[in-house]
Amino acid sequence: MARHSAIRRRVGAVLRAAREARGLSQEGLGDAAGLHRTYVGSVERGERNVSVEALEAWLAALRVTWSAFGSAVDGQDPGA
């Protein structure tokens, strides 16, 4: 398995924590954001880069602001 960058792992962990805090499955989030569930899982595991467009849809579906997301990635609030 390829090594995953620290930033991809942090981004994925924040996105997963926010999704789980809202009681959504990967499939439920995918449906709400227009993303495939396998893409959601691979981003959450830090296996794939997430595009700005996909991240915008993801955050909108979770009702997380960009600033809250950025703070969470910086380690201030892992639940976004």
Protein backbone atom coordinates (compact mmCIF):
# COMPACT_ATOMS: atom_id res chain seq x y z
CA MET A 1 0.00 0.00 0.00
CA ALA A 2 1.29 3.45 -0.88
CA ARG A 3 2.14 5.87 1.88
CA HIS A 4 -0.47 8.55 2.35
CA SER A 5 0.55 12.11 3.05
CA ALA A 6 -0.05 13.56 6.48
CA ILE A 7 -2.29 16.32 5.11
CA ARG A 8 -4.50 13.84 3.23
CA ARG A 9 -4.85 11.80 6.41
CA ARG A 10 -5.73 14.89 8.48
CA VAL A 11 -8.27 16.10 5.92
CA GLY A 12 -9.81 12.64 5.75
CA ALA A 13 -9.99 12.33 9.54
CA VAL A 14 -11.74 15.70 9.85
CA LEU A 15 -14.22 14.84 7.12
CA ARG A 16 -14.95 11.46 8.69
CA ALA A 17 -15.41 12.99 12.17
CA ALA A 18 -17.82 15.60 10.78
CA ARG A 19 -19.79 12.95 8.89
CA GLU A 20 -20.01 10.65 11.90
CA ALA A 21 -20.97 13.54 14.21
CA ARG A 22 -23.97 14.09 11.96
CA GLY A 23 -24.93 10.42 11.91
CA LEU A 24 -24.39 9.98 8.18
CA SER A 25 -23.08 6.88 6.46
CA GLN A 26 -20.58 7.22 3.64
CA GLU A 27 -23.37 6.39 1.23
CA GLY A 28 -25.70 8.97 2.82
CA LEU A 29 -23.06 11.65 2.56
CA GLY A 30 -22.30 10.64 -1.00
CA ASP A 31 -25.96 10.95 -1.93
CA ALA A 32 -26.25 14.35 -0.24
CA ALA A 33 -23.07 15.70 -1.84
CA GLY A 34 -23.34 14.01 -5.24
CA LEU A 35 -20.25 11.87 -4.61
CA HIS A 36 -19.78 8.11 -4.88
CA ARG A 37 -19.53 6.28 -1.55
CA THR A 38 -16.25 4.63 -2.52
CA TYR A 39 -14.77 8.06 -3.24
CA VAL A 40 -15.93 9.26 0.19
CA GLY A 41 -14.25 6.28 1.85
CA SER A 42 -10.99 6.64 -0.04
CA VAL A 43 -10.73 10.34 0.81
CA GLU A 44 -11.52 9.65 4.47
CA ARG A 45 -8.74 7.05 4.55
CA GLY A 46 -6.28 9.52 3.01
CA GLU A 47 -5.88 7.46 -0.15
CA ARG A 48 -7.04 10.12 -2.60
CA ASN A 49 -6.78 13.84 -3.02
CA VAL A 50 -10.05 15.69 -2.86
CA SER A 51 -10.80 18.39 -5.42
CA VAL A 52 -11.95 21.83 -4.37
CA GLU A 53 -15.28 21.22 -6.12
CA ALA A 54 -15.83 17.92 -4.30
CA LEU A 55 -14.79 19.46 -0.99
CA GLU A 56 -17.24 22.32 -1.50
CA ALA A 57 -20.09 19.83 -2.07
CA TRP A 58 -18.90 17.73 0.88
CA LEU A 59 -18.83 20.68 3.29
CA ALA A 60 -22.21 21.94 2.07
CA ALA A 61 -23.79 18.52 2.64
CA LEU A 62 -22.31 18.47 6.16
CA ARG A 63 -23.19 22.14 6.77
CA VAL A 64 -19.60 22.89 7.72
CA THR A 65 -18.05 26.23 6.83
CA TRP A 66 -14.68 26.49 5.12
CA SER A 67 -13.30 28.30 8.16
CA ALA A 68 -14.48 25.58 10.57
CA PHE A 69 -13.02 22.95 8.27
CA GLY A 70 -9.68 24.75 8.09
CA SER A 71 -9.54 25.11 11.87
CA ALA A 72 -10.34 21.43 12.29
CA VAL A 73 -7.58 20.41 9.89
CA ASP A 74 -5.23 22.59 11.92
CA GLY A 75 -6.21 20.51 14.93
CA GLN A 76 -8.45 22.94 16.75
CA ASP A 77 -11.76 21.05 16.42
CA PRO A 78 -11.68 17.53 14.97
CA GLY A 79 -15.48 17.32 14.79
CA ALA A 80 -15.67 20.40 12.54
